[in-house]
Amino acid sequence: MKLASLKTGGRDGALVVVSRDLQHAIKVPGIASTLQTALDNWRNVQPELISVYRLLNENPNASYSGEKSFALDTKLLTAPLPRAYQWADGSAYLNHVELMRRARGVEMPPSFYTDPLLYQGGSDGFLGPCDAIEAVDEGHGIDFEAEVAVITDDVPLGITPARVREHIQLLVLVNDVSLRNLIPAELAKGFGFFQSKPASSFSPAAVSPDELGDAWDGGRVHLPLVSHLNGQWFGSPNAGVDMQFNFGELIAHAAKTRRLGAGTLIGSGTVSNRDAATGCSCIAERRTRELLKQGQPLTPFMKFGDRIRIEMLNTDGVSIFGAIDQFIVPYQPPLDP
């Protein structure tokens, strides 16, 4: 099943069921007006949403409960969850962490290999897949980060990694935008990210795990995550390779001392493989590889007008989630009255 949210539904969007080929969609207000509403009552509404999904795949011109299907334009979509009660991002690909720390001459603490890294991000407003990324200053070091994330239903406190997988209901792609030149000063305070992490962006569709077929093993997605910067291939590391902690372990870590509400988003962190031939999922990692190999970083951070595209294809080369496709633009403050 594939679900998305139209911008016309207000701050929480209007839930639509999307065809497998991402070409058509249909509103389902009689089932749930928003994705958050659906997740709040997932066990009851999931069968109905699946029925509409099957109907739409059988007949792109189908109608349901008075609603007619329509051609899907991803520019009209917001994030599947335009805002969420919980957005916690991990850093499960330790190759990425090792590279970044090696460039700074910092050792990896042994605990990093046994205890997941996870921070709580801003979730009061996410960007849609084609929304512009507004930046205040190019000098902030604008970077993209290509990730995979899962969306859960209600997760009990203290759940085990093995049990938590049944609570993973949907998956999405993420562009976790970072302002690299603001990060060092923030982390030096010892209190985590804030200004250096503006709004994240999400794929057009959130998909149920079964849509991934054999590529989903219950905790990892074994497919390349492809990034293009200004039309040029940047990287396609396999999201199922070199992931130190799977999603079950990340969620269990987050739920160690608290319950997680329906609609919780848990990110994988920047997808990264030890094989340098697979490229990178962020500019900072490429710059680090350049620094370690050539003595200096060569790739600049993003500038106004730059374009980033992030997508995941199945083994037949077909897009699963649709593409995150965004431009960097200068922020225009509102005019004083």
Protein backbone atom coordinates (compact mmCIF):
# COMPACT_ATOMS: atom_id res chain seq x y z
CA MET A 1 0.00 0.00 0.00
CA LYS A 2 1.11 3.55 -0.76
CA LEU A 3 -0.21 6.64 0.99
CA ALA A 4 0.40 10.37 0.54
CA SER A 5 -0.92 13.72 1.74
CA LEU A 6 -2.23 16.62 -0.32
CA LYS A 7 -1.37 20.17 0.73
CA THR A 8 -5.05 21.14 0.44
CA GLY A 9 -5.85 19.41 3.73
CA GLY A 10 -4.44 22.11 5.99
CA ARG A 11 -1.50 21.66 8.33
CA ASP A 12 -1.92 17.88 8.49
CA GLY A 13 -2.65 17.40 4.80
CA ALA A 14 -5.43 15.35 3.20
CA LEU A 15 -4.80 11.61 3.08
CA VAL A 16 -4.86 9.92 -0.32
CA VAL A 17 -4.28 6.34 -1.37
CA VAL A 18 -1.76 6.21 -4.23
CA SER A 19 -1.51 3.61 -6.98
CA ARG A 20 1.53 1.35 -7.07
CA ASP A 21 2.89 3.16 -10.14
CA LEU A 22 2.45 6.54 -8.35
CA GLN A 23 0.31 7.84 -11.20
CA HIS A 24 -3.12 8.06 -9.60
CA ALA A 25 -4.61 8.78 -6.20
CA ILE A 26 -7.94 8.91 -4.43
CA LYS A 27 -9.09 10.73 -1.28
CA VAL A 28 -10.52 8.61 1.51
CA PRO A 29 -12.19 11.01 4.00
CA GLY A 30 -14.69 8.31 4.94
CA ILE A 31 -11.81 6.17 6.25
CA ALA A 32 -9.42 8.81 7.59
CA SER A 33 -9.01 12.47 6.72
CA THR A 34 -5.26 12.53 7.49
CA LEU A 35 -2.47 10.01 7.78
CA GLN A 36 -2.12 10.80 11.48
CA THR A 37 -5.80 9.98 11.99
CA ALA A 38 -5.27 6.69 10.18
CA LEU A 39 -2.25 5.82 12.33
CA ASP A 40 -4.16 6.66 15.50
CA ASN A 41 -6.66 3.95 14.54
CA TRP A 42 -4.43 1.80 12.35
CA ARG A 43 -5.70 -1.67 13.19
CA ASN A 44 -9.22 -0.70 12.18
CA VAL A 45 -8.55 1.40 9.09
CA GLN A 46 -5.66 -0.54 7.55
CA PRO A 47 -7.91 -3.21 5.93
CA GLU A 48 -10.11 -0.51 4.40
CA LEU A 49 -7.11 1.39 3.03
CA ILE A 50 -5.75 -1.82 1.52
CA SER A 51 -9.11 -2.45 -0.18
CA VAL A 52 -9.03 1.01 -1.78
CA TYR A 53 -5.41 0.46 -2.83
CA ARG A 54 -6.32 -2.79 -4.58
CA LEU A 55 -9.29 -1.13 -6.26
CA LEU A 56 -7.12 1.74 -7.53
CA ASN A 57 -4.46 -0.61 -8.92
CA GLU A 58 -7.12 -2.64 -10.73
CA ASN A 59 -8.82 0.47 -12.16
CA PRO A 60 -6.95 3.82 -12.23
CA ASN A 61 -10.30 5.56 -12.87
CA ALA A 62 -11.98 4.02 -9.86
CA SER A 63 -14.24 5.82 -7.42
CA TYR A 64 -14.68 5.15 -3.74
CA SER A 65 -17.43 6.43 -1.48
CA GLY A 66 -18.17 9.30 -3.86
CA GLU A 67 -14.52 10.25 -4.38
CA LYS A 68 -13.07 9.93 -7.87
CA SER A 69 -9.45 9.07 -8.58
CA PHE A 70 -7.23 11.69 -10.18
CA ALA A 71 -3.82 11.96 -11.83
CA LEU A 72 -1.21 12.50 -9.14
CA ASP A 73 1.03 15.57 -9.29
CA THR A 74 3.79 15.28 -6.68
CA LYS A 75 4.15 19.06 -6.59
CA LEU A 76 0.75 19.15 -4.87
CA LEU A 77 1.93 16.86 -2.08
CA THR A 78 3.23 17.76 1.32
CA ALA A 79 5.20 15.25 3.40
CA PRO A 80 3.15 12.09 4.10
CA LEU A 81 3.12 13.31 7.72
CA PRO A 82 3.34 17.12 7.37
CA ARG A 83 4.04 17.33 11.10
CA ALA A 84 4.60 14.54 13.59
CA TYR A 85 4.43 14.03 17.31
CA GLN A 86 7.88 12.44 17.23
CA TRP A 87 10.85 12.60 14.83
CA ALA A 88 13.93 10.81 16.12
CA ASP A 89 16.88 10.42 13.77
CA GLY A 90 19.59 7.83 14.21
CA SER A 91 23.05 7.35 12.83
CA ALA A 92 22.98 3.64 12.14
CA TYR A 93 25.62 3.60 9.39
CA LEU A 94 28.81 3.71 11.43
CA ASN A 95 30.97 4.05 8.34
CA HIS A 96 29.60 7.58 8.04
CA VAL A 97 30.30 8.30 11.71
CA GLU A 98 33.82 6.82 11.52
CA LEU A 99 34.73 8.90 8.47
CA MET A 100 33.48 12.13 9.97
CA ARG A 101 35.31 11.55 13.25
CA ARG A 102 38.52 10.39 11.55
CA ALA A 103 38.65 13.62 9.59
CA ARG A 104 38.53 15.51 12.89
CA GLY A 105 41.15 13.22 14.45
CA VAL A 106 38.63 11.90 16.99
CA GLU A 107 38.46 8.26 18.03
CA MET A 108 35.26 6.23 17.91
CA PRO A 109 34.07 5.40 21.44
CA PRO A 110 33.57 1.62 21.84
CA SER A 111 29.96 2.23 22.94
CA PHE A 112 29.09 3.49 19.44
CA TYR A 113 29.26 -0.12 18.20
CA THR A 114 26.79 -1.43 20.78
CA ASP A 115 24.55 1.51 21.69
CA PRO A 116 22.62 3.30 18.90
CA LEU A 117 23.01 7.02 18.29
CA LEU A 118 19.67 8.81 18.27
CA TYR A 119 18.62 12.44 18.63
CA GLN A 120 15.22 14.13 18.73
CA GLY A 121 14.65 16.36 15.72
CA GLY A 122 12.19 19.14 15.01
CA SER A 123 8.86 17.73 13.88
CA ASP A 124 6.46 20.67 13.92
CA GLY A 125 6.73 21.14 10.16
CA PHE A 126 8.23 19.04 7.35
CA LEU A 127 8.78 19.88 3.68
CA GLY A 128 7.02 18.14 0.82
CA PRO A 129 8.99 16.23 -1.81
CA CYS A 130 9.14 19.14 -4.26
CA ASP A 131 9.12 22.06 -1.84
CA ALA A 132 12.02 24.49 -2.07
CA ILE A 133 14.61 24.38 0.69
CA GLU A 134 14.77 27.94 1.99
CA ALA A 135 18.17 28.93 3.35
CA VAL A 136 19.14 32.09 5.20
CA ASP A 137 22.81 32.05 4.22
CA GLU A 138 24.90 29.97 1.80
CA GLY A 139 27.73 30.31 4.29
CA HIS A 140 25.92 27.99 6.68
CA GLY A 141 27.18 25.02 4.65
CA ILE A 142 23.95 23.66 3.16
CA ASP A 143 23.96 19.89 2.79
CA PHE A 144 21.49 17.13 1.99
CA GLU A 145 21.37 13.80 3.78
CA ALA A 146 19.64 10.87 2.07
CA GLU A 147 18.03 8.50 4.55
CA VAL A 148 15.32 5.91 5.05
CA ALA A 149 12.80 6.22 7.90
CA VAL A 150 9.98 4.15 9.34
CA ILE A 151 6.62 5.25 10.74
CA THR A 152 5.20 3.31 13.68
CA ASP A 153 1.87 2.84 15.33
CA ASP A 154 1.74 2.94 19.15
CA VAL A 155 4.91 1.35 20.56
CA PRO A 156 4.90 0.04 24.16
CA LEU A 157 7.57 1.09 26.64
CA GLY A 158 10.46 -1.37 26.98
CA ILE A 159 9.63 -3.43 23.89
CA THR A 160 12.33 -5.75 22.52
CA PRO A 161 13.88 -5.32 19.06
CA ALA A 162 12.34 -8.61 17.93
CA ARG A 163 8.82 -7.61 18.97
CA VAL A 164 8.98 -4.03 17.76
CA ARG A 165 9.02 -4.91 14.07
CA GLU A 166 5.26 -5.55 14.11
CA HIS A 167 4.82 -1.86 14.93
CA ILE A 168 6.58 -0.68 11.74
CA GLN A 169 3.67 0.24 9.48
CA LEU A 170 5.16 2.47 6.78
CA LEU A 171 8.49 3.54 5.32
CA VAL A 172 9.56 6.83 3.72
CA LEU A 173 12.64 8.44 2.24
CA VAL A 174 14.13 11.50 3.93
CA ASN A 175 16.29 14.46 3.02
CA ASP A 176 17.56 15.45 6.45
CA VAL A 177 18.83 18.91 5.54
CA SER A 178 21.89 19.97 7.54
CA LEU A 179 23.77 23.25 7.93
CA ARG A 180 27.28 21.89 8.35
CA ASN A 181 29.02 25.08 9.34
CA LEU A 182 26.66 25.57 12.29
CA ILE A 183 27.03 22.03 13.64
CA PRO A 184 30.48 22.23 15.34
CA ALA A 185 29.54 25.15 17.60
CA GLU A 186 26.23 23.56 18.53
CA LEU A 187 27.74 20.17 19.37
CA ALA A 188 30.51 21.86 21.36
CA LYS A 189 27.83 23.05 23.77
CA GLY A 190 27.08 19.40 24.56
CA PHE A 191 23.35 19.81 24.07
CA GLY A 192 22.75 18.56 20.53
CA PHE A 193 21.46 19.93 17.23
CA PHE A 194 18.97 22.74 16.81
CA GLN A 195 19.74 25.63 14.43
CA SER A 196 21.89 23.35 12.28
CA LYS A 197 18.92 21.09 11.52
CA PRO A 198 16.19 22.97 9.58
CA ALA A 199 13.05 21.27 8.28
CA SER A 200 13.53 17.79 6.83
CA SER A 201 11.91 16.71 3.55
CA PHE A 202 10.10 13.47 2.80
CA SER A 203 9.27 11.33 -0.22
CA PRO A 204 5.91 11.69 -2.00
CA ALA A 205 4.61 8.34 -0.73
CA ALA A 206 4.83 6.39 2.47
CA VAL A 207 4.76 2.69 1.63
CA SER A 208 3.89 -0.41 3.62
CA PRO A 209 6.76 -2.87 4.12
CA ASP A 210 5.22 -5.49 1.81
CA GLU A 211 5.70 -3.11 -1.16
CA LEU A 212 9.45 -3.72 -0.82
CA GLY A 213 9.14 -7.47 -1.31
CA ASP A 214 12.29 -9.44 -0.57
CA ALA A 215 14.25 -6.18 -0.19
CA TRP A 216 12.69 -5.75 3.27
CA ASP A 217 14.01 -8.19 5.88
CA GLY A 218 11.97 -6.81 8.76
CA GLY A 219 14.59 -4.32 9.86
CA ARG A 220 16.57 -3.16 6.83
CA VAL A 221 15.86 -2.17 3.21
CA HIS A 222 18.26 -3.94 0.86
CA LEU A 223 18.15 -1.52 -2.05
CA PRO A 224 20.36 1.37 -3.21
CA LEU A 225 19.35 4.89 -2.22
CA VAL A 226 20.17 7.06 -5.22
CA SER A 227 21.12 10.74 -5.02
CA HIS A 228 21.73 13.17 -7.87
CA LEU A 229 23.11 16.66 -7.25
CA ASN A 230 22.48 19.12 -10.09
CA GLY A 231 21.69 16.21 -12.39
CA GLN A 232 24.95 14.38 -11.66
CA TRP A 233 25.10 11.03 -9.88
CA PHE A 234 26.31 11.53 -6.32
CA GLY A 235 25.80 8.15 -4.71
CA SER A 236 23.77 4.97 -4.50
CA PRO A 237 24.85 3.13 -1.35
CA ASN A 238 22.76 0.10 -0.46
CA ALA A 239 20.59 0.84 2.56
CA GLY A 240 20.78 -2.78 3.70
CA VAL A 241 24.59 -2.88 3.81
CA ASP A 242 26.75 -1.62 6.70
CA MET A 243 23.72 -0.67 8.81
CA GLN A 244 25.03 -1.39 12.30
CA PHE A 245 21.62 -1.13 13.98
CA ASN A 246 18.42 -2.18 12.20
CA PHE A 247 15.14 -0.33 12.61
CA GLY A 248 13.93 -2.76 15.25
CA GLU A 249 16.97 -1.94 17.36
CA LEU A 250 16.59 1.81 16.77
CA ILE A 251 12.94 1.81 17.80
CA ALA A 252 13.58 -0.37 20.85
CA HIS A 253 16.34 2.05 21.86
CA ALA A 254 13.92 4.98 21.57
CA ALA A 255 11.27 3.10 23.57
CA LYS A 256 13.61 2.01 26.38
CA THR A 257 12.16 4.51 28.85
CA ARG A 258 9.06 5.88 27.11
CA ARG A 259 6.11 4.88 24.98
CA LEU A 260 6.15 6.04 21.37
CA GLY A 261 2.94 7.47 20.00
CA ALA A 262 1.37 6.49 16.70
CA GLY A 263 2.98 8.45 13.90
CA THR A 264 6.48 8.33 15.38
CA LEU A 265 9.16 8.70 12.71
CA ILE A 266 12.52 6.97 13.23
CA GLY A 267 15.31 7.78 10.75
CA SER A 268 18.24 5.60 9.78
CA GLY A 269 20.74 8.42 9.51
CA THR A 270 22.80 9.06 6.38
CA VAL A 271 23.03 5.87 4.32
CA SER A 272 26.70 4.98 3.87
CA ASN A 273 28.69 2.00 2.60
CA ARG A 274 32.33 1.19 3.24
CA ASP A 275 32.71 0.58 -0.49
CA ALA A 276 33.65 4.04 -1.78
CA ALA A 277 32.48 3.08 -5.28
CA THR A 278 28.86 3.39 -4.14
CA GLY A 279 29.34 7.13 -3.62
CA CYS A 280 27.88 9.20 -0.80
CA SER A 281 24.50 10.27 0.54
CA CYS A 282 25.67 13.69 1.70
CA ILE A 283 28.26 16.27 0.70
CA ALA A 284 30.02 16.20 4.06
CA GLU A 285 30.95 12.56 3.62
CA ARG A 286 32.33 13.15 0.13
CA ARG A 287 34.34 16.10 1.42
CA THR A 288 35.71 13.89 4.20
CA ARG A 289 36.74 11.20 1.74
CA GLU A 290 38.45 13.88 -0.35
CA LEU A 291 40.23 15.26 2.70
CA LEU A 292 41.51 11.84 3.76
CA LYS A 293 42.62 10.91 0.24
CA GLN A 294 43.83 14.21 -1.21
CA GLY A 295 44.49 16.39 1.82
CA GLN A 296 41.65 18.84 1.19
CA PRO A 297 37.92 18.82 0.46
CA LEU A 298 37.03 19.71 -3.13
CA THR A 299 33.24 19.46 -3.33
CA PRO A 300 31.47 22.66 -2.19
CA PHE A 301 28.34 22.67 -0.10
CA MET A 302 25.08 23.57 -1.82
CA LYS A 303 24.41 27.03 -3.19
CA PHE A 304 21.23 28.87 -4.15
CA GLY A 305 19.81 27.28 -7.30
CA ASP A 306 21.31 23.85 -6.64
CA ARG A 307 19.04 20.85 -7.07
CA ILE A 308 18.99 17.58 -5.11
CA ARG A 309 17.07 14.46 -6.14
CA ILE A 310 16.75 11.39 -3.91
CA GLU A 311 15.01 8.19 -4.98
CA MET A 312 14.90 4.44 -4.42
CA LEU A 313 14.21 2.03 -7.29
CA ASN A 314 13.18 -1.60 -7.10
CA THR A 315 15.06 -4.36 -8.92
CA ASP A 316 13.07 -3.56 -12.07
CA GLY A 317 14.19 0.07 -11.98
CA VAL A 318 10.79 1.39 -10.90
CA SER A 319 10.50 4.15 -8.30
CA ILE A 320 9.01 2.89 -5.03
CA PHE A 321 8.44 6.06 -3.01
CA GLY A 322 8.62 8.67 -5.74
CA ALA A 323 11.43 11.21 -5.79
CA ILE A 324 12.42 13.96 -3.40
CA ASP A 325 13.32 16.68 -5.91
CA GLN A 326 14.21 20.08 -4.45
CA PHE A 327 16.00 23.35 -5.14
CA ILE A 328 17.89 25.55 -2.68
CA VAL A 329 16.46 29.08 -2.62
CA PRO A 330 17.21 32.17 -0.50
CA TYR A 331 14.75 32.76 2.30
CA GLN A 332 12.63 35.85 1.74
CA PRO A 333 11.52 37.32 5.08
CA PRO A 334 8.04 38.81 5.25
CA LEU A 335 7.76 42.51 4.58
CA ASP A 336 7.29 44.69 7.62
CA PRO A 337 3.72 46.05 7.83
